[in-house]
Amino acid sequence: MITQGFKAHTNQVTNTPNSSNPEGINWALIGQKLPMEKTPEQVKRRIAMFRQIDMNGNGYVSLAEMDKAVLTVLQCEEIFQAKPVIVRAFNAAKNAVKDIGKNKVGDD
């Protein structure tokens, strides 16, 4: 599962620059900002975060909205500067949910 891989990664990577983390991004802090659990509290946080990211309120997050959210919501300048990474992650996430179908939104 994607979130399990992210959690494992955040436990191993610190904010110290090294060969696997040259920018010294504090992945543990980023992980704390992302509500990934299925608890009612985390679901509420996820919905609130989605509404904050979906600036035009159409129920979808565009690449431009996600790009801006990395800076304004996650407050991570280092990731914001990594445009190719944002584009690849956005497209991977978009392609991962194609089975939901057009004009249908997941439960959270």
PDB file of N, CA and C in Angstrom:
ATOM      1  N   MET A   1       0.839  -1.178   0.000  1.00  0.00           N
ATOM      2  CA  MET A   1       0.000   0.000   0.000  1.00  0.00           C
ATOM      3  C   MET A   1       0.885   1.243   0.000  1.00  0.00           C
ATOM      4  N   ILE A   2       0.474   2.264  -0.672  1.00  0.00           N
ATOM      5  CA  ILE A   2       1.267   3.478  -0.826  1.00  0.00           C
ATOM      6  C   ILE A   2       1.547   4.125   0.516  1.00  0.00           C
ATOM      7  N   THR A   3       0.532   4.286   1.377  1.00  0.00           N
ATOM      8  CA  THR A   3       0.748   4.967   2.649  1.00  0.00           C
ATOM      9  C   THR A   3       1.700   4.190   3.543  1.00  0.00           C
ATOM     10  N   GLN A   4       1.669   2.864   3.498  1.00  0.00           N
ATOM     11  CA  GLN A   4       2.591   2.078   4.304  1.00  0.00           C
ATOM     12  C   GLN A   4       4.021   2.301   3.847  1.00  0.00           C
ATOM     13  N   GLY A   5       4.233   2.375   2.542  1.00  0.00           N
ATOM     14  CA  GLY A   5       5.559   2.654   2.015  1.00  0.00           C
ATOM     15  C   GLY A   5       6.045   4.024   2.415  1.00  0.00           C
ATOM     16  N   PHE A   6       5.142   5.009   2.420  1.00  0.00           N
ATOM     17  CA  PHE A   6       5.517   6.361   2.820  1.00  0.00           C
ATOM     18  C   PHE A   6       5.887   6.386   4.294  1.00  0.00           C
ATOM     19  N   LYS A   7       5.091   5.688   5.137  1.00  0.00           N
ATOM     20  CA  LYS A   7       5.376   5.658   6.567  1.00  0.00           C
ATOM     21  C   LYS A   7       6.724   5.020   6.835  1.00  0.00           C
ATOM     22  N   ALA A   8       7.017   3.930   6.155  1.00  0.00           N
ATOM     23  CA  ALA A   8       8.305   3.276   6.335  1.00  0.00           C
ATOM     24  C   ALA A   8       9.428   4.209   5.911  1.00  0.00           C
ATOM     25  N   HIS A   9       9.221   4.931   4.819  1.00  0.00           N
ATOM     26  CA  HIS A   9      10.232   5.863   4.320  1.00  0.00           C
ATOM     27  C   HIS A   9      10.454   7.000   5.309  1.00  0.00           C
ATOM     28  N   THR A  10       9.385   7.527   5.907  1.00  0.00           N
ATOM     29  CA  THR A  10       9.536   8.652   6.835  1.00  0.00           C
ATOM     30  C   THR A  10      10.251   8.220   8.100  1.00  0.00           C
ATOM     31  N   ASN A  11      10.155   6.957   8.469  1.00  0.00           N
ATOM     32  CA  ASN A  11      10.853   6.481   9.655  1.00  0.00           C
ATOM     33  C   ASN A  11      12.352   6.353   9.410  1.00  0.00           C
ATOM     34  N   GLN A  12      12.753   6.210   8.151  1.00  0.00           N
ATOM     35  CA  GLN A  12      14.152   5.987   7.823  1.00  0.00           C
ATOM     36  C   GLN A  12      14.885   7.265   7.413  1.00  0.00           C
ATOM     37  N   VAL A  13      14.192   8.248   6.899  1.00  0.00           N
ATOM     38  CA  VAL A  13      14.838   9.429   6.338  1.00  0.00           C
ATOM     39  C   VAL A  13      14.660  10.615   7.277  1.00  0.00           C
ATOM     40  N   THR A  14      15.739  11.256   7.596  1.00  0.00           N
ATOM     41  CA  THR A  14      15.679  12.435   8.455  1.00  0.00           C
ATOM     42  C   THR A  14      15.862  13.675   7.602  1.00  0.00           C
ATOM     43  N   ASN A  15      15.965  14.815   8.265  1.00  0.00           N
ATOM     44  CA  ASN A  15      16.155  16.054   7.525  1.00  0.00           C
ATOM     45  C   ASN A  15      17.639  16.379   7.340  1.00  0.00           C
ATOM     46  N   THR A  16      18.489  15.397   7.489  1.00  0.00           N
ATOM     47  CA  THR A  16      19.918  15.582   7.267  1.00  0.00           C
ATOM     48  C   THR A  16      20.246  15.307   5.804  1.00  0.00           C
ATOM     49  N   PRO A  17      20.858  16.275   5.110  1.00  0.00           N
ATOM     50  CA  PRO A  17      21.223  16.013   3.713  1.00  0.00           C
ATOM     51  C   PRO A  17      22.176  14.822   3.618  1.00  0.00           C
ATOM     52  N   ASN A  18      21.885  13.920   2.689  1.00  0.00           N
ATOM     53  CA  ASN A  18      22.760  12.793   2.401  1.00  0.00           C
ATOM     54  C   ASN A  18      22.468  12.337   0.980  1.00  0.00           C
ATOM     55  N   SER A  19      23.061  11.225   0.548  1.00  0.00           N
ATOM     56  CA  SER A  19      22.900  10.808  -0.843  1.00  0.00           C
ATOM     57  C   SER A  19      21.465  10.449  -1.198  1.00  0.00           C
ATOM     58  N   SER A  20      20.679   9.941  -0.244  1.00  0.00           N
ATOM     59  CA  SER A  20      19.294   9.593  -0.548  1.00  0.00           C
ATOM     60  C   SER A  20      18.333  10.742  -0.269  1.00  0.00           C
ATOM     61  N   ASN A  21      18.804  11.801   0.355  1.00  0.00           N
ATOM     62  CA  ASN A  21      17.978  12.958   0.688  1.00  0.00           C
ATOM     63  C   ASN A  21      18.825  14.226   0.546  1.00  0.00           C
ATOM     64  N   PRO A  22      19.259  14.556  -0.686  1.00  0.00           N
ATOM     65  CA  PRO A  22      20.216  15.645  -0.879  1.00  0.00           C
ATOM     66  C   PRO A  22      19.707  17.007  -0.434  1.00  0.00           C
ATOM     67  N   GLU A  23      18.416  17.223  -0.451  1.00  0.00           N
ATOM     68  CA  GLU A  23      17.872  18.517  -0.044  1.00  0.00           C
ATOM     69  C   GLU A  23      17.643  18.613   1.459  1.00  0.00           C
ATOM     70  N   GLY A  24      17.778  17.493   2.160  1.00  0.00           N
ATOM     71  CA  GLY A  24      17.552  17.504   3.594  1.00  0.00           C
ATOM     72  C   GLY A  24      16.092  17.729   3.951  1.00  0.00           C
ATOM     73  N   ILE A  25      15.170  17.179   3.160  1.00  0.00           N
ATOM     74  CA  ILE A  25      13.733  17.337   3.410  1.00  0.00           C
ATOM     75  C   ILE A  25      13.361  16.526   4.644  1.00  0.00           C
ATOM     76  N   ASN A  26      12.611  17.126   5.532  1.00  0.00           N
ATOM     77  CA  ASN A  26      12.159  16.451   6.742  1.00  0.00           C
ATOM     78  C   ASN A  26      10.905  15.653   6.407  1.00  0.00           C
ATOM     79  N   TRP A  27      11.088  14.422   5.947  1.00  0.00           N
ATOM     80  CA  TRP A  27       9.971  13.588   5.515  1.00  0.00           C
ATOM     81  C   TRP A  27       9.050  13.226   6.663  1.00  0.00           C
ATOM     82  N   ALA A  28       9.587  13.105   7.858  1.00  0.00           N
ATOM     83  CA  ALA A  28       8.745  12.801   9.019  1.00  0.00           C
ATOM     84  C   ALA A  28       7.747  13.935   9.251  1.00  0.00           C
ATOM     85  N   LEU A  29       8.202  15.171   9.115  1.00  0.00           N
ATOM     86  CA  LEU A  29       7.309  16.319   9.280  1.00  0.00           C
ATOM     87  C   LEU A  29       6.252  16.356   8.173  1.00  0.00           C
ATOM     88  N   ILE A  30       6.656  16.074   6.950  1.00  0.00           N
ATOM     89  CA  ILE A  30       5.699  16.015   5.836  1.00  0.00           C
ATOM     90  C   ILE A  30       4.665  14.933   6.119  1.00  0.00           C
ATOM     91  N   GLY A  31       5.119  13.775   6.593  1.00  0.00           N
ATOM     92  CA  GLY A  31       4.214  12.685   6.926  1.00  0.00           C
ATOM     93  C   GLY A  31       3.202  13.065   7.995  1.00  0.00           C
ATOM     94  N   GLN A  32       3.629  13.854   8.966  1.00  0.00           N
ATOM     95  CA  GLN A  32       2.720  14.307  10.022  1.00  0.00           C
ATOM     96  C   GLN A  32       1.647  15.241   9.472  1.00  0.00           C
ATOM     97  N   LYS A  33       1.971  15.971   8.429  1.00  0.00           N
ATOM     98  CA  LYS A  33       1.013  16.907   7.838  1.00  0.00           C
ATOM     99  C   LYS A  33      -0.027  16.217   6.965  1.00  0.00           C
ATOM    100  N   LEU A  34       0.263  14.975   6.538  1.00  0.00           N
ATOM    101  CA  LEU A  34      -0.633  14.255   5.635  1.00  0.00           C
ATOM    102  C   LEU A  34      -1.519  13.281   6.408  1.00  0.00           C
ATOM    103  N   PRO A  35      -2.827  13.502   6.429  1.00  0.00           N
ATOM    104  CA  PRO A  35      -3.727  12.589   7.136  1.00  0.00           C
ATOM    105  C   PRO A  35      -3.954  11.322   6.311  1.00  0.00           C
ATOM    106  N   MET A  36      -3.292  10.239   6.683  1.00  0.00           N
ATOM    107  CA  MET A  36      -3.314   9.016   5.879  1.00  0.00           C
ATOM    108  C   MET A  36      -4.129   7.886   6.492  1.00  0.00           C
ATOM    109  N   GLU A  37      -4.483   7.996   7.746  1.00  0.00           N
ATOM    110  CA  GLU A  37      -5.204   6.914   8.421  1.00  0.00           C
ATOM    111  C   GLU A  37      -6.687   6.951   8.066  1.00  0.00           C
ATOM    112  N   LYS A  38      -7.393   5.870   8.378  1.00  0.00           N
ATOM    113  CA  LYS A  38      -8.830   5.776   8.094  1.00  0.00           C
ATOM    114  C   LYS A  38      -9.672   6.127   9.319  1.00  0.00           C
ATOM    115  N   THR A  39      -9.083   6.751  10.325  1.00  0.00           N
ATOM    116  CA  THR A  39      -9.831   7.139  11.510  1.00  0.00           C
ATOM    117  C   THR A  39     -10.761   8.313  11.165  1.00  0.00           C
ATOM    118  N   PRO A  40     -11.865   8.475  11.912  1.00  0.00           N
ATOM    119  CA  PRO A  40     -12.775   9.598  11.629  1.00  0.00           C
ATOM    120  C   PRO A  40     -12.067  10.960  11.682  1.00  0.00           C
ATOM    121  N   GLU A  41     -11.148  11.133  12.610  1.00  0.00           N
ATOM    122  CA  GLU A  41     -10.414  12.395  12.714  1.00  0.00           C
ATOM    123  C   GLU A  41      -9.559  12.644  11.473  1.00  0.00           C
ATOM    124  N   GLN A  42      -8.851  11.602  11.029  1.00  0.00           N
ATOM    125  CA  GLN A  42      -7.990  11.733   9.850  1.00  0.00           C
ATOM    126  C   GLN A  42      -8.814  11.948   8.581  1.00  0.00           C
ATOM    127  N   VAL A  43      -9.973  11.297   8.492  1.00  0.00           N
ATOM    128  CA  VAL A  43     -10.858  11.506   7.335  1.00  0.00           C
ATOM    129  C   VAL A  43     -11.305  12.963   7.300  1.00  0.00           C
ATOM    130  N   LYS A  44     -11.677  13.523   8.448  1.00  0.00           N
ATOM    131  CA  LYS A  44     -12.088  14.937   8.505  1.00  0.00           C
ATOM    132  C   LYS A  44     -10.938  15.844   8.093  1.00  0.00           C
ATOM    133  N   ARG A  45      -9.742  15.548   8.580  1.00  0.00           N
ATOM    134  CA  ARG A  45      -8.571  16.351   8.200  1.00  0.00           C
ATOM    135  C   ARG A  45      -8.302  16.252   6.702  1.00  0.00           C
ATOM    136  N   ARG A  46      -8.450  15.029   6.154  1.00  0.00           N
ATOM    137  CA  ARG A  46      -8.206  14.818   4.718  1.00  0.00           C
ATOM    138  C   ARG A  46      -9.205  15.606   3.881  1.00  0.00           C
ATOM    139  N   ILE A  47     -10.470  15.583   4.280  1.00  0.00           N
ATOM    140  CA  ILE A  47     -11.503  16.336   3.552  1.00  0.00           C
ATOM    141  C   ILE A  47     -11.225  17.832   3.632  1.00  0.00           C
ATOM    142  N   ALA A  48     -10.852  18.307   4.823  1.00  0.00           N
ATOM    143  CA  ALA A  48     -10.531  19.733   4.983  1.00  0.00           C
ATOM    144  C   ALA A  48      -9.326  20.118   4.133  1.00  0.00           C
ATOM    145  N   MET A  49      -8.322  19.249   4.099  1.00  0.00           N
ATOM    146  CA  MET A  49      -7.131  19.524   3.292  1.00  0.00           C
ATOM    147  C   MET A  49      -7.485  19.541   1.809  1.00  0.00           C
ATOM    148  N   PHE A  50      -8.328  18.596   1.382  1.00  0.00           N
ATOM    149  CA  PHE A  50      -8.745  18.552  -0.013  1.00  0.00           C
ATOM    150  C   PHE A  50      -9.441  19.856  -0.390  1.00  0.00           C
ATOM    151  N   ARG A  51     -10.340  20.324   0.468  1.00  0.00           N
ATOM    152  CA  ARG A  51     -11.055  21.578   0.181  1.00  0.00           C
ATOM    153  C   ARG A  51     -10.105  22.765   0.115  1.00  0.00           C
ATOM    154  N   GLN A  52      -9.066  22.723   0.933  1.00  0.00           N
ATOM    155  CA  GLN A  52      -8.059  23.784   0.909  1.00  0.00           C
ATOM    156  C   GLN A  52      -7.271  23.741  -0.406  1.00  0.00           C
ATOM    157  N   ILE A  53      -6.989  22.540  -0.895  1.00  0.00           N
ATOM    158  CA  ILE A  53      -6.217  22.374  -2.131  1.00  0.00           C
ATOM    159  C   ILE A  53      -7.070  22.658  -3.361  1.00  0.00           C
ATOM    160  N   ASP A  54      -8.335  22.230  -3.348  1.00  0.00           N
ATOM    161  CA  ASP A  54      -9.257  22.414  -4.485  1.00  0.00           C
ATOM    162  C   ASP A  54      -9.765  23.859  -4.488  1.00  0.00           C
ATOM    163  N   MET A  55      -8.910  24.755  -4.939  1.00  0.00           N
ATOM    164  CA  MET A  55      -9.181  26.194  -4.833  1.00  0.00           C
ATOM    165  C   MET A  55     -10.394  26.664  -5.624  1.00  0.00           C
ATOM    166  N   ASN A  56     -10.692  26.022  -6.735  1.00  0.00           N
ATOM    167  CA  ASN A  56     -11.853  26.460  -7.514  1.00  0.00           C
ATOM    168  C   ASN A  56     -13.132  25.725  -7.118  1.00  0.00           C
ATOM    169  N   GLY A  57     -13.015  24.758  -6.199  1.00  0.00           N
ATOM    170  CA  GLY A  57     -14.186  24.083  -5.655  1.00  0.00           C
ATOM    171  C   GLY A  57     -14.930  23.164  -6.609  1.00  0.00           C
ATOM    172  N   ASN A  58     -14.250  22.673  -7.643  1.00  0.00           N
ATOM    173  CA  ASN A  58     -14.943  21.815  -8.610  1.00  0.00           C
ATOM    174  C   ASN A  58     -14.922  20.333  -8.226  1.00  0.00           C
ATOM    175  N   GLY A  59     -14.302  19.987  -7.094  1.00  0.00           N
ATOM    176  CA  GLY A  59     -14.265  18.597  -6.654  1.00  0.00           C
ATOM    177  C   GLY A  59     -13.096  17.803  -7.191  1.00  0.00           C
ATOM    178  N   TYR A  60     -12.240  18.431  -7.954  1.00  0.00           N
ATOM    179  CA  TYR A  60     -11.053  17.791  -8.511  1.00  0.00           C
ATOM    180  C   TYR A  60      -9.841  18.656  -8.197  1.00  0.00           C
ATOM    181  N   VAL A  61      -8.687  18.036  -8.105  1.00  0.00           N
ATOM    182  CA  VAL A  61      -7.454  18.785  -7.885  1.00  0.00           C
ATOM    183  C   VAL A  61      -6.650  18.756  -9.175  1.00  0.00           C
ATOM    184  N   SER A  62      -6.409  19.923  -9.732  1.00  0.00           N
ATOM    185  CA  SER A  62      -5.601  20.024 -10.950  1.00  0.00           C
ATOM    186  C   SER A  62      -4.122  20.001 -10.580  1.00  0.00           C
ATOM    187  N   LEU A  63      -3.289  19.819 -11.574  1.00  0.00           N
ATOM    188  CA  LEU A  63      -1.844  19.854 -11.353  1.00  0.00           C
ATOM    189  C   LEU A  63      -1.430  21.218 -10.805  1.00  0.00           C
ATOM    190  N   ALA A  64      -2.000  22.285 -11.324  1.00  0.00           N
ATOM    191  CA  ALA A  64      -1.666  23.628 -10.842  1.00  0.00           C
ATOM    192  C   ALA A  64      -2.057  23.801  -9.375  1.00  0.00           C
ATOM    193  N   GLU A  65      -3.231  23.284  -9.004  1.00  0.00           N
ATOM    194  CA  GLU A  65      -3.658  23.380  -7.609  1.00  0.00           C
ATOM    195  C   GLU A  65      -2.749  22.560  -6.696  1.00  0.00           C
ATOM    196  N   MET A  66      -2.361  21.375  -7.155  1.00  0.00           N
ATOM    197  CA  MET A  66      -1.481  20.529  -6.343  1.00  0.00           C
ATOM    198  C   MET A  66      -0.115  21.165  -6.203  1.00  0.00           C
ATOM    199  N   ASP A  67       0.376  21.730  -7.288  1.00  0.00           N
ATOM    200  CA  ASP A  67       1.669  22.403  -7.272  1.00  0.00           C
ATOM    201  C   ASP A  67       1.664  23.518  -6.226  1.00  0.00           C
ATOM    202  N   LYS A  68       0.633  24.325  -6.244  1.00  0.00           N
ATOM    203  CA  LYS A  68       0.540  25.423  -5.281  1.00  0.00           C
ATOM    204  C   LYS A  68       0.367  24.902  -3.856  1.00  0.00           C
ATOM    205  N   ALA A  69      -0.364  23.810  -3.692  1.00  0.00           N
ATOM    206  CA  ALA A  69      -0.608  23.243  -2.365  1.00  0.00           C
ATOM    207  C   ALA A  69       0.679  22.742  -1.715  1.00  0.00           C
ATOM    208  N   VAL A  70       1.612  22.258  -2.507  1.00  0.00           N
ATOM    209  CA  VAL A  70       2.884  21.801  -1.943  1.00  0.00           C
ATOM    210  C   VAL A  70       3.550  22.955  -1.204  1.00  0.00           C
ATOM    211  N   LEU A  71       3.425  24.139  -1.732  1.00  0.00           N
ATOM    212  CA  LEU A  71       4.035  25.312  -1.107  1.00  0.00           C
ATOM    213  C   LEU A  71       3.156  25.887   0.004  1.00  0.00           C
ATOM    214  N   THR A  72       1.850  26.009  -0.235  1.00  0.00           N
ATOM    215  CA  THR A  72       0.987  26.692   0.727  1.00  0.00           C
ATOM    216  C   THR A  72       0.418  25.784   1.814  1.00  0.00           C
ATOM    217  N   VAL A  73       0.103  24.540   1.489  1.00  0.00           N
ATOM    218  CA  VAL A  73      -0.500  23.624   2.460  1.00  0.00           C
ATOM    219  C   VAL A  73       0.577  22.808   3.173  1.00  0.00           C
ATOM    220  N   LEU A  74       1.448  22.157   2.397  1.00  0.00           N
ATOM    221  CA  LEU A  74       2.525  21.375   3.012  1.00  0.00           C
ATOM    222  C   LEU A  74       3.673  22.254   3.486  1.00  0.00           C
ATOM    223  N   GLN A  75       3.764  23.439   2.932  1.00  0.00           N
ATOM    224  CA  GLN A  75       4.805  24.411   3.269  1.00  0.00           C
ATOM    225  C   GLN A  75       6.199  23.805   3.119  1.00  0.00           C
ATOM    226  N   CYS A  76       6.442  23.243   1.931  1.00  0.00           N
ATOM    227  CA  CYS A  76       7.731  22.616   1.666  1.00  0.00           C
ATOM    228  C   CYS A  76       8.334  23.190   0.381  1.00  0.00           C
ATOM    229  N   GLU A  77       9.163  24.173   0.551  1.00  0.00           N
ATOM    230  CA  GLU A  77       9.825  24.839  -0.573  1.00  0.00           C
ATOM    231  C   GLU A  77      10.683  23.871  -1.385  1.00  0.00           C
ATOM    232  N   GLU A  78      11.350  22.920  -0.702  1.00  0.00           N
ATOM    233  CA  GLU A  78      12.245  21.992  -1.396  1.00  0.00           C
ATOM    234  C   GLU A  78      11.474  21.114  -2.372  1.00  0.00           C
ATOM    235  N   ILE A  79      10.324  20.605  -1.964  1.00  0.00           N
ATOM    236  CA  ILE A  79       9.518  19.786  -2.873  1.00  0.00           C
ATOM    237  C   ILE A  79       8.908  20.666  -3.956  1.00  0.00           C
ATOM    238  N   PHE A  80       8.487  21.880  -3.597  1.00  0.00           N
ATOM    239  CA  PHE A  80       7.910  22.811  -4.572  1.00  0.00           C
ATOM    240  C   PHE A  80       8.881  23.072  -5.718  1.00  0.00           C
ATOM    241  N   GLN A  81      10.165  23.129  -5.427  1.00  0.00           N
ATOM    242  CA  GLN A  81      11.179  23.377  -6.456  1.00  0.00           C
ATOM    243  C   GLN A  81      11.410  22.160  -7.350  1.00  0.00           C
ATOM    244  N   ALA A  82      10.919  21.007  -6.963  1.00  0.00           N
ATOM    245  CA  ALA A  82      11.137  19.766  -7.724  1.00  0.00           C
ATOM    246  C   ALA A  82       9.946  19.506  -8.646  1.00  0.00           C
ATOM    247  N   LYS A  83       9.744  20.371  -9.616  1.00  0.00           N
ATOM    248  CA  LYS A  83       8.580  20.293 -10.513  1.00  0.00           C
ATOM    249  C   LYS A  83       8.429  18.933 -11.202  1.00  0.00           C
ATOM    250  N   PRO A  84       9.491  18.334 -11.740  1.00  0.00           N
ATOM    251  CA  PRO A  84       9.306  17.031 -12.384  1.00  0.00           C
ATOM    252  C   PRO A  84       8.760  15.968 -11.422  1.00  0.00           C
ATOM    253  N   VAL A  85       9.158  16.042 -10.172  1.00  0.00           N
ATOM    254  CA  VAL A  85       8.685  15.080  -9.179  1.00  0.00           C
ATOM    255  C   VAL A  85       7.196  15.290  -8.908  1.00  0.00           C
ATOM    256  N   ILE A  86       6.774  16.535  -8.806  1.00  0.00           N
ATOM    257  CA  ILE A  86       5.361  16.843  -8.578  1.00  0.00           C
ATOM    258  C   ILE A  86       4.521  16.340  -9.746  1.00  0.00           C
ATOM    259  N   VAL A  87       4.978  16.584 -10.955  1.00  0.00           N
ATOM    260  CA  VAL A  87       4.234  16.150 -12.146  1.00  0.00           C
ATOM    261  C   VAL A  87       4.126  14.629 -12.184  1.00  0.00           C
ATOM    262  N   ARG A  88       5.231  13.933 -11.920  1.00  0.00           N
ATOM    263  CA  ARG A  88       5.207  12.467 -11.949  1.00  0.00           C
ATOM    264  C   ARG A  88       4.297  11.899 -10.872  1.00  0.00           C
ATOM    265  N   ALA A  89       4.360  12.463  -9.668  1.00  0.00           N
ATOM    266  CA  ALA A  89       3.507  11.986  -8.574  1.00  0.00           C
ATOM    267  C   ALA A  89       2.039  12.267  -8.873  1.00  0.00           C
ATOM    268  N   PHE A  90       1.749  13.444  -9.420  1.00  0.00           N
ATOM    269  CA  PHE A  90       0.373  13.800  -9.770  1.00  0.00           C
ATOM    270  C   PHE A  90      -0.183  12.821 -10.798  1.00  0.00           C
ATOM    271  N   ASN A  91       0.591  12.569 -11.852  1.00  0.00           N
ATOM    272  CA  ASN A  91       0.133  11.657 -12.907  1.00  0.00           C
ATOM    273  C   ASN A  91       0.001  10.223 -12.408  1.00  0.00           C
ATOM    274  N   ALA A  92       0.897   9.794 -11.539  1.00  0.00           N
ATOM    275  CA  ALA A  92       0.797   8.444 -10.979  1.00  0.00           C
ATOM    276  C   ALA A  92      -0.473   8.304 -10.145  1.00  0.00           C
ATOM    277  N   ALA A  93      -0.772   9.320  -9.334  1.00  0.00           N
ATOM    278  CA  ALA A  93      -1.990   9.287  -8.521  1.00  0.00           C
ATOM    279  C   ALA A  93      -3.227   9.338  -9.401  1.00  0.00           C
ATOM    280  N   LYS A  94      -3.201  10.190 -10.409  1.00  0.00           N
ATOM    281  CA  LYS A  94      -4.348  10.315 -11.322  1.00  0.00           C
ATOM    282  C   LYS A  94      -4.595   9.000 -12.047  1.00  0.00           C
ATOM    283  N   ASN A  95      -3.544   8.365 -12.509  1.00  0.00           N
ATOM    284  CA  ASN A  95      -3.674   7.108 -13.249  1.00  0.00           C
ATOM    285  C   ASN A  95      -4.051   5.936 -12.338  1.00  0.00           C
ATOM    286  N   ALA A  96      -3.766   6.049 -11.057  1.00  0.00           N
ATOM    287  CA  ALA A  96      -4.068   4.966 -10.118  1.00  0.00           C
ATOM    288  C   ALA A  96      -5.560   4.834  -9.849  1.00  0.00           C
ATOM    289  N   VAL A  97      -6.330   5.873 -10.106  1.00  0.00           N
ATOM    290  CA  VAL A  97      -7.763   5.842  -9.795  1.00  0.00           C
ATOM    291  C   VAL A  97      -8.639   5.917 -11.032  1.00  0.00           C
ATOM    292  N   LYS A  98      -8.122   5.558 -12.185  1.00  0.00           N
ATOM    293  CA  LYS A  98      -8.925   5.612 -13.411  1.00  0.00           C
ATOM    294  C   LYS A  98     -10.126   4.677 -13.355  1.00  0.00           C
ATOM    295  N   ASP A  99     -10.047   3.630 -12.540  1.00  0.00           N
ATOM    296  CA  ASP A  99     -11.151   2.673 -12.444  1.00  0.00           C
ATOM    297  C   ASP A  99     -12.400   3.273 -11.814  1.00  0.00           C
ATOM    298  N   ILE A 100     -12.266   4.369 -11.097  1.00  0.00           N
ATOM    299  CA  ILE A 100     -13.435   4.994 -10.465  1.00  0.00           C
ATOM    300  C   ILE A 100     -14.395   5.487 -11.529  1.00  0.00           C
ATOM    301  N   GLY A 101     -13.880   5.953 -12.640  1.00  0.00           N
ATOM    302  CA  GLY A 101     -14.732   6.399 -13.738  1.00  0.00           C
ATOM    303  C   GLY A 101     -14.877   7.903 -13.764  1.00  0.00           C
ATOM    304  N   LYS A 102     -15.258   8.392 -14.920  1.00  0.00           N
ATOM    305  CA  LYS A 102     -15.414   9.830 -15.122  1.00  0.00           C
ATOM    306  C   LYS A 102     -16.593  10.348 -14.300  1.00  0.00           C
ATOM    307  N   ASN A 103     -16.403  11.507 -13.700  1.00  0.00           N
ATOM    308  CA  ASN A 103     -17.421  12.192 -12.905  1.00  0.00           C
ATOM    309  C   ASN A 103     -17.824  11.442 -11.640  1.00  0.00           C
ATOM    310  N   LYS A 104     -16.995  10.523 -11.189  1.00  0.00           N
ATOM    311  CA  LYS A 104     -17.246   9.842  -9.928  1.00  0.00           C
ATOM    312  C   LYS A 104     -16.090  10.137  -8.999  1.00  0.00           C
ATOM    313  N   VAL A 105     -16.385  10.361  -7.751  1.00  0.00           N
ATOM    314  CA  VAL A 105     -15.373  10.719  -6.772  1.00  0.00           C
ATOM    315  C   VAL A 105     -15.315   9.624  -5.727  1.00  0.00           C
ATOM    316  N   GLY A 106     -14.131   9.344  -5.226  1.00  0.00           N
ATOM    317  CA  GLY A 106     -13.978   8.349  -4.178  1.00  0.00           C
ATOM    318  C   GLY A 106     -14.665   8.780  -2.899  1.00  0.00           C
ATOM    319  N   ASP A 107     -14.765   7.851  -1.936  1.00  0.00           N
ATOM    320  CA  ASP A 107     -15.498   8.129  -0.711  1.00  0.00           C
ATOM    321  C   ASP A 107     -14.800   9.129   0.195  1.00  0.00           C
ATOM    322  N   ASP A 108     -13.508   9.301   0.056  1.00  0.00           N
ATOM    323  CA  ASP A 108     -12.804  10.364   0.773  1.00  0.00           C
ATOM    324  C   ASP A 108     -11.583  10.697  -0.002  1.00  0.00           C
TER     325      ASP A 108
END
